[in-house]
Amino acid sequence: GEKGIIFEDFTTIAYGVQIFTQSDDYSGKTMCNSTVPKKYKEEIFKEVILKRYSIVGAGSIIMPGIILEEGT
């Protein structure tokens, strides 16, 4: 995604972690799918921040806009 991921000092991500900074809006307000023209859908673009001493366990999925606070 275009917003990016911020890794502060001493952060760790394990095997198979997926971090998304862009996603379709699945609330039902708009259409979603990669084949739907952009004018019919709203995408979410938000950075993800992993603050100091954060650890993300194997297989975790992190969605746009998430902030893992220090020591998470």
PDB file of N, CA and C in Angstrom:
ATOM      1  N   GLY A   1       0.814  -1.186   0.000  1.00  0.00           N
ATOM      2  CA  GLY A   1       0.000   0.000   0.000  1.00  0.00           C
ATOM      3  C   GLY A   1       0.855   1.247   0.000  1.00  0.00           C
ATOM      4  N   GLU A   2       0.278   2.320  -0.397  1.00  0.00           N
ATOM      5  CA  GLU A   2       1.044   3.551  -0.562  1.00  0.00           C
ATOM      6  C   GLU A   2       1.356   4.293   0.734  1.00  0.00           C
ATOM      7  N   LYS A   3       0.656   4.029   1.824  1.00  0.00           N
ATOM      8  CA  LYS A   3       0.903   4.764   3.073  1.00  0.00           C
ATOM      9  C   LYS A   3       2.116   4.264   3.835  1.00  0.00           C
ATOM     10  N   GLY A   4       2.425   2.994   3.737  1.00  0.00           N
ATOM     11  CA  GLY A   4       3.642   2.468   4.338  1.00  0.00           C
ATOM     12  C   GLY A   4       3.505   1.940   5.759  1.00  0.00           C
ATOM     13  N   ILE A   5       4.611   1.346   6.211  1.00  0.00           N
ATOM     14  CA  ILE A   5       4.695   0.742   7.535  1.00  0.00           C
ATOM     15  C   ILE A   5       5.864   1.392   8.272  1.00  0.00           C
ATOM     16  N   ILE A   6       5.636   1.770   9.512  1.00  0.00           N
ATOM     17  CA  ILE A   6       6.704   2.344  10.334  1.00  0.00           C
ATOM     18  C   ILE A   6       7.108   1.316  11.374  1.00  0.00           C
ATOM     19  N   PHE A   7       8.360   0.898  11.333  1.00  0.00           N
ATOM     20  CA  PHE A   7       8.933  -0.018  12.311  1.00  0.00           C
ATOM     21  C   PHE A   7       9.827   0.790  13.237  1.00  0.00           C
ATOM     22  N   GLU A   8       9.424   0.951  14.493  1.00  0.00           N
ATOM     23  CA  GLU A   8      10.297   1.623  15.443  1.00  0.00           C
ATOM     24  C   GLU A   8      11.348   0.631  15.949  1.00  0.00           C
ATOM     25  N   ASP A   9      12.244   1.082  16.800  1.00  0.00           N
ATOM     26  CA  ASP A   9      13.351   0.253  17.290  1.00  0.00           C
ATOM     27  C   ASP A   9      12.869  -1.020  17.972  1.00  0.00           C
ATOM     28  N   PHE A  10      13.598  -2.097  17.729  1.00  0.00           N
ATOM     29  CA  PHE A  10      13.424  -3.381  18.408  1.00  0.00           C
ATOM     30  C   PHE A  10      12.067  -4.038  18.151  1.00  0.00           C
ATOM     31  N   THR A  11      11.516  -3.851  16.959  1.00  0.00           N
ATOM     32  CA  THR A  11      10.272  -4.540  16.598  1.00  0.00           C
ATOM     33  C   THR A  11      10.601  -5.842  15.869  1.00  0.00           C
ATOM     34  N   THR A  12       9.711  -6.817  15.993  1.00  0.00           N
ATOM     35  CA  THR A  12       9.922  -8.119  15.376  1.00  0.00           C
ATOM     36  C   THR A  12       8.631  -8.597  14.735  1.00  0.00           C
ATOM     37  N   ILE A  13       8.739  -9.155  13.530  1.00  0.00           N
ATOM     38  CA  ILE A  13       7.595  -9.841  12.938  1.00  0.00           C
ATOM     39  C   ILE A  13       8.025 -11.271  12.631  1.00  0.00           C
ATOM     40  N   ALA A  14       7.157 -12.213  12.954  1.00  0.00           N
ATOM     41  CA  ALA A  14       7.459 -13.639  12.786  1.00  0.00           C
ATOM     42  C   ALA A  14       7.053 -14.102  11.384  1.00  0.00           C
ATOM     43  N   TYR A  15       7.236 -15.395  11.141  1.00  0.00           N
ATOM     44  CA  TYR A  15       6.921 -16.002   9.851  1.00  0.00           C
ATOM     45  C   TYR A  15       5.443 -15.855   9.495  1.00  0.00           C
ATOM     46  N   GLY A  16       5.173 -15.588   8.230  1.00  0.00           N
ATOM     47  CA  GLY A  16       3.807 -15.591   7.718  1.00  0.00           C
ATOM     48  C   GLY A  16       2.957 -14.399   8.104  1.00  0.00           C
ATOM     49  N   VAL A  17       3.553 -13.350   8.658  1.00  0.00           N
ATOM     50  CA  VAL A  17       2.786 -12.153   9.028  1.00  0.00           C
ATOM     51  C   VAL A  17       2.412 -11.387   7.755  1.00  0.00           C
ATOM     52  N   GLN A  18       1.185 -10.886   7.725  1.00  0.00           N
ATOM     53  CA  GLN A  18       0.721 -10.058   6.617  1.00  0.00           C
ATOM     54  C   GLN A  18       0.329  -8.694   7.166  1.00  0.00           C
ATOM     55  N   ILE A  19       0.888  -7.640   6.592  1.00  0.00           N
ATOM     56  CA  ILE A  19       0.581  -6.282   7.033  1.00  0.00           C
ATOM     57  C   ILE A  19       0.042  -5.519   5.830  1.00  0.00           C
ATOM     58  N   PHE A  20      -1.183  -5.016   5.978  1.00  0.00           N
ATOM     59  CA  PHE A  20      -1.841  -4.293   4.894  1.00  0.00           C
ATOM     60  C   PHE A  20      -1.979  -2.816   5.260  1.00  0.00           C
ATOM     61  N   THR A  21      -1.598  -1.933   4.347  1.00  0.00           N
ATOM     62  CA  THR A  21      -1.825  -0.503   4.544  1.00  0.00           C
ATOM     63  C   THR A  21      -2.880   0.000   3.565  1.00  0.00           C
ATOM     64  N   GLN A  22      -3.451  -0.913   2.810  1.00  0.00           N
ATOM     65  CA  GLN A  22      -4.493  -0.593   1.841  1.00  0.00           C
ATOM     66  C   GLN A  22      -5.474  -1.753   1.786  1.00  0.00           C
ATOM     67  N   SER A  23      -6.761  -1.435   1.743  1.00  0.00           N
ATOM     68  CA  SER A  23      -7.772  -2.481   1.703  1.00  0.00           C
ATOM     69  C   SER A  23      -9.075  -1.916   1.148  1.00  0.00           C
ATOM     70  N   ASP A  24      -9.894  -2.788   0.579  1.00  0.00           N
ATOM     71  CA  ASP A  24     -11.253  -2.388   0.237  1.00  0.00           C
ATOM     72  C   ASP A  24     -12.028  -2.150   1.521  1.00  0.00           C
ATOM     73  N   ASP A  25     -13.106  -1.366   1.429  1.00  0.00           N
ATOM     74  CA  ASP A  25     -13.996  -1.127   2.557  1.00  0.00           C
ATOM     75  C   ASP A  25     -15.076  -2.212   2.534  1.00  0.00           C
ATOM     76  N   TYR A  26     -15.037  -3.114   3.505  1.00  0.00           N
ATOM     77  CA  TYR A  26     -15.977  -4.232   3.555  1.00  0.00           C
ATOM     78  C   TYR A  26     -17.194  -3.958   4.439  1.00  0.00           C
ATOM     79  N   SER A  27     -17.474  -2.677   4.727  1.00  0.00           N
ATOM     80  CA  SER A  27     -18.601  -2.323   5.588  1.00  0.00           C
ATOM     81  C   SER A  27     -19.949  -2.521   4.902  1.00  0.00           C
ATOM     82  N   GLY A  28     -19.957  -2.633   3.576  1.00  0.00           N
ATOM     83  CA  GLY A  28     -21.204  -2.771   2.834  1.00  0.00           C
ATOM     84  C   GLY A  28     -21.670  -1.462   2.223  1.00  0.00           C
ATOM     85  N   LYS A  29     -20.957  -0.369   2.503  1.00  0.00           N
ATOM     86  CA  LYS A  29     -21.332   0.943   1.960  1.00  0.00           C
ATOM     87  C   LYS A  29     -20.999   1.081   0.480  1.00  0.00           C
ATOM     88  N   THR A  30     -19.963   0.351   0.041  1.00  0.00           N
ATOM     89  CA  THR A  30     -19.556   0.427  -1.361  1.00  0.00           C
ATOM     90  C   THR A  30     -19.258  -0.974  -1.875  1.00  0.00           C
ATOM     91  N   MET A  31     -19.030  -1.056  -3.160  1.00  0.00           N
ATOM     92  CA  MET A  31     -18.659  -2.341  -3.756  1.00  0.00           C
ATOM     93  C   MET A  31     -17.187  -2.618  -3.453  1.00  0.00           C
ATOM     94  N   CYS A  32     -16.804  -3.877  -3.488  1.00  0.00           N
ATOM     95  CA  CYS A  32     -15.402  -4.216  -3.271  1.00  0.00           C
ATOM     96  C   CYS A  32     -15.018  -5.429  -4.098  1.00  0.00           C
ATOM     97  N   ASN A  33     -13.838  -5.326  -4.675  1.00  0.00           N
ATOM     98  CA  ASN A  33     -13.276  -6.392  -5.490  1.00  0.00           C
ATOM     99  C   ASN A  33     -12.247  -5.720  -6.390  1.00  0.00           C
ATOM    100  N   SER A  34     -11.196  -6.411  -6.703  1.00  0.00           N
ATOM    101  CA  SER A  34     -10.153  -5.809  -7.535  1.00  0.00           C
ATOM    102  C   SER A  34     -10.618  -5.571  -8.974  1.00  0.00           C
ATOM    103  N   THR A  35     -11.720  -6.177  -9.381  1.00  0.00           N
ATOM    104  CA  THR A  35     -12.227  -5.988 -10.743  1.00  0.00           C
ATOM    105  C   THR A  35     -13.257  -4.861 -10.849  1.00  0.00           C
ATOM    106  N   VAL A  36     -13.686  -4.310  -9.703  1.00  0.00           N
ATOM    107  CA  VAL A  36     -14.663  -3.219  -9.692  1.00  0.00           C
ATOM    108  C   VAL A  36     -13.929  -1.897  -9.926  1.00  0.00           C
ATOM    109  N   PRO A  37     -14.398  -1.055 -10.849  1.00  0.00           N
ATOM    110  CA  PRO A  37     -13.757   0.243 -11.082  1.00  0.00           C
ATOM    111  C   PRO A  37     -13.710   1.089  -9.807  1.00  0.00           C
ATOM    112  N   LYS A  38     -12.633   1.849  -9.639  1.00  0.00           N
ATOM    113  CA  LYS A  38     -12.415   2.639  -8.428  1.00  0.00           C
ATOM    114  C   LYS A  38     -13.557   3.610  -8.132  1.00  0.00           C
ATOM    115  N   LYS A  39     -14.251   4.100  -9.149  1.00  0.00           N
ATOM    116  CA  LYS A  39     -15.326   5.062  -8.918  1.00  0.00           C
ATOM    117  C   LYS A  39     -16.517   4.451  -8.170  1.00  0.00           C
ATOM    118  N   TYR A  40     -16.595   3.110  -8.103  1.00  0.00           N
ATOM    119  CA  TYR A  40     -17.698   2.435  -7.415  1.00  0.00           C
ATOM    120  C   TYR A  40     -17.318   1.895  -6.043  1.00  0.00           C
ATOM    121  N   LYS A  41     -16.113   2.160  -5.613  1.00  0.00           N
ATOM    122  CA  LYS A  41     -15.697   1.625  -4.315  1.00  0.00           C
ATOM    123  C   LYS A  41     -14.846   2.636  -3.564  1.00  0.00           C
ATOM    124  N   GLU A  42     -14.719   2.405  -2.274  1.00  0.00           N
ATOM    125  CA  GLU A  42     -13.866   3.235  -1.440  1.00  0.00           C
ATOM    126  C   GLU A  42     -12.812   2.346  -0.827  1.00  0.00           C
ATOM    127  N   GLU A  43     -11.564   2.709  -1.043  1.00  0.00           N
ATOM    128  CA  GLU A  43     -10.473   1.950  -0.464  1.00  0.00           C
ATOM    129  C   GLU A  43      -9.951   2.667   0.774  1.00  0.00           C
ATOM    130  N   ILE A  44      -9.412   1.901   1.670  1.00  0.00           N
ATOM    131  CA  ILE A  44      -8.832   2.443   2.895  1.00  0.00           C
ATOM    132  C   ILE A  44      -7.328   2.483   2.703  1.00  0.00           C
ATOM    133  N   PHE A  45      -6.741   3.656   2.920  1.00  0.00           N
ATOM    134  CA  PHE A  45      -5.294   3.851   2.826  1.00  0.00           C
ATOM    135  C   PHE A  45      -4.815   4.459   4.145  1.00  0.00           C
ATOM    136  N   LYS A  46      -4.187   3.658   5.004  1.00  0.00           N
ATOM    137  CA  LYS A  46      -3.698   4.161   6.293  1.00  0.00           C
ATOM    138  C   LYS A  46      -2.395   3.461   6.643  1.00  0.00           C
ATOM    139  N   GLU A  47      -1.463   4.225   7.205  1.00  0.00           N
ATOM    140  CA  GLU A  47      -0.192   3.617   7.603  1.00  0.00           C
ATOM    141  C   GLU A  47      -0.374   2.706   8.809  1.00  0.00           C
ATOM    142  N   VAL A  48       0.550   1.796   8.966  1.00  0.00           N
ATOM    143  CA  VAL A  48       0.599   0.904  10.121  1.00  0.00           C
ATOM    144  C   VAL A  48       1.858   1.254  10.895  1.00  0.00           C
ATOM    145  N   ILE A  49       1.732   1.345  12.227  1.00  0.00           N
ATOM    146  CA  ILE A  49       2.873   1.714  13.060  1.00  0.00           C
ATOM    147  C   ILE A  49       3.120   0.622  14.100  1.00  0.00           C
ATOM    148  N   LEU A  50       4.341   0.112  14.111  1.00  0.00           N
ATOM    149  CA  LEU A  50       4.769  -0.840  15.139  1.00  0.00           C
ATOM    150  C   LEU A  50       5.754  -0.091  16.036  1.00  0.00           C
ATOM    151  N   LYS A  51       5.305   0.246  17.235  1.00  0.00           N
ATOM    152  CA  LYS A  51       6.143   1.029  18.147  1.00  0.00           C
ATOM    153  C   LYS A  51       7.189   0.147  18.826  1.00  0.00           C
ATOM    154  N   ARG A  52       8.109   0.770  19.492  1.00  0.00           N
ATOM    155  CA  ARG A  52       9.255   0.092  20.112  1.00  0.00           C
ATOM    156  C   ARG A  52       8.849  -1.156  20.892  1.00  0.00           C
ATOM    157  N   TYR A  53       9.662  -2.186  20.747  1.00  0.00           N
ATOM    158  CA  TYR A  53       9.522  -3.455  21.470  1.00  0.00           C
ATOM    159  C   TYR A  53       8.256  -4.234  21.118  1.00  0.00           C
ATOM    160  N   SER A  54       7.650  -3.963  19.967  1.00  0.00           N
ATOM    161  CA  SER A  54       6.466  -4.711  19.535  1.00  0.00           C
ATOM    162  C   SER A  54       6.887  -6.022  18.885  1.00  0.00           C
ATOM    163  N   ILE A  55       6.110  -7.071  19.128  1.00  0.00           N
ATOM    164  CA  ILE A  55       6.349  -8.372  18.517  1.00  0.00           C
ATOM    165  C   ILE A  55       5.029  -8.837  17.896  1.00  0.00           C
ATOM    166  N   VAL A  56       5.084  -9.220  16.625  1.00  0.00           N
ATOM    167  CA  VAL A  56       3.901  -9.717  15.925  1.00  0.00           C
ATOM    168  C   VAL A  56       4.107 -11.212  15.701  1.00  0.00           C
ATOM    169  N   GLY A  57       3.213 -12.026  16.233  1.00  0.00           N
ATOM    170  CA  GLY A  57       3.341 -13.478  16.189  1.00  0.00           C
ATOM    171  C   GLY A  57       3.064 -14.075  14.818  1.00  0.00           C
ATOM    172  N   ALA A  58       3.543 -15.289  14.613  1.00  0.00           N
ATOM    173  CA  ALA A  58       3.428 -16.000  13.338  1.00  0.00           C
ATOM    174  C   ALA A  58       1.981 -16.070  12.854  1.00  0.00           C
ATOM    175  N   GLY A  59       1.799 -15.786  11.576  1.00  0.00           N
ATOM    176  CA  GLY A  59       0.492 -15.894  10.952  1.00  0.00           C
ATOM    177  C   GLY A  59      -0.461 -14.739  11.234  1.00  0.00           C
ATOM    178  N   SER A  60      -0.017 -13.718  11.935  1.00  0.00           N
ATOM    179  CA  SER A  60      -0.886 -12.580  12.248  1.00  0.00           C
ATOM    180  C   SER A  60      -1.200 -11.769  11.001  1.00  0.00           C
ATOM    181  N   ILE A  61      -2.359 -11.127  11.017  1.00  0.00           N
ATOM    182  CA  ILE A  61      -2.758 -10.225   9.941  1.00  0.00           C
ATOM    183  C   ILE A  61      -3.037  -8.868  10.570  1.00  0.00           C
ATOM    184  N   ILE A  62      -2.389  -7.836  10.049  1.00  0.00           N
ATOM    185  CA  ILE A  62      -2.565  -6.479  10.560  1.00  0.00           C
ATOM    186  C   ILE A  62      -3.191  -5.642   9.457  1.00  0.00           C
ATOM    187  N   MET A  63      -4.300  -4.997   9.778  1.00  0.00           N
ATOM    188  CA  MET A  63      -5.061  -4.233   8.795  1.00  0.00           C
ATOM    189  C   MET A  63      -4.666  -2.752   8.822  1.00  0.00           C
ATOM    190  N   PRO A  64      -5.064  -1.977   7.810  1.00  0.00           N
ATOM    191  CA  PRO A  64      -4.679  -0.568   7.711  1.00  0.00           C
ATOM    192  C   PRO A  64      -5.077   0.245   8.940  1.00  0.00           C
ATOM    193  N   GLY A  65      -4.191   1.149   9.333  1.00  0.00           N
ATOM    194  CA  GLY A  65      -4.473   2.078  10.423  1.00  0.00           C
ATOM    195  C   GLY A  65      -4.147   1.563  11.810  1.00  0.00           C
ATOM    196  N   ILE A  66      -3.665   0.341  11.924  1.00  0.00           N
ATOM    197  CA  ILE A  66      -3.369  -0.239  13.236  1.00  0.00           C
ATOM    198  C   ILE A  66      -2.086   0.349  13.799  1.00  0.00           C
ATOM    199  N   ILE A  67      -2.107   0.653  15.093  1.00  0.00           N
ATOM    200  CA  ILE A  67      -0.909   1.083  15.814  1.00  0.00           C
ATOM    201  C   ILE A  67      -0.690   0.113  16.945  1.00  0.00           C
ATOM    202  N   LEU A  68       0.437  -0.594  16.908  1.00  0.00           N
ATOM    203  CA  LEU A  68       0.812  -1.464  18.027  1.00  0.00           C
ATOM    204  C   LEU A  68       1.621  -0.609  18.982  1.00  0.00           C
ATOM    205  N   GLU A  69       1.089  -0.377  20.153  1.00  0.00           N
ATOM    206  CA  GLU A  69       1.754   0.488  21.127  1.00  0.00           C
ATOM    207  C   GLU A  69       3.029  -0.164  21.653  1.00  0.00           C
ATOM    208  N   GLU A  70       3.859   0.623  22.296  1.00  0.00           N
ATOM    209  CA  GLU A  70       5.136   0.139  22.809  1.00  0.00           C
ATOM    210  C   GLU A  70       4.953  -1.084  23.703  1.00  0.00           C
ATOM    211  N   GLY A  71       5.725  -2.115  23.410  1.00  0.00           N
ATOM    212  CA  GLY A  71       5.708  -3.330  24.220  1.00  0.00           C
ATOM    213  C   GLY A  71       4.591  -4.299  23.905  1.00  0.00           C
ATOM    214  N   THR A  72       3.857  -4.070  22.831  1.00  0.00           N
ATOM    215  CA  THR A  72       2.745  -4.948  22.472  1.00  0.00           C
ATOM    216  C   THR A  72       3.265  -6.288  22.009  1.00  0.00           C
TER     217      THR A  72
END
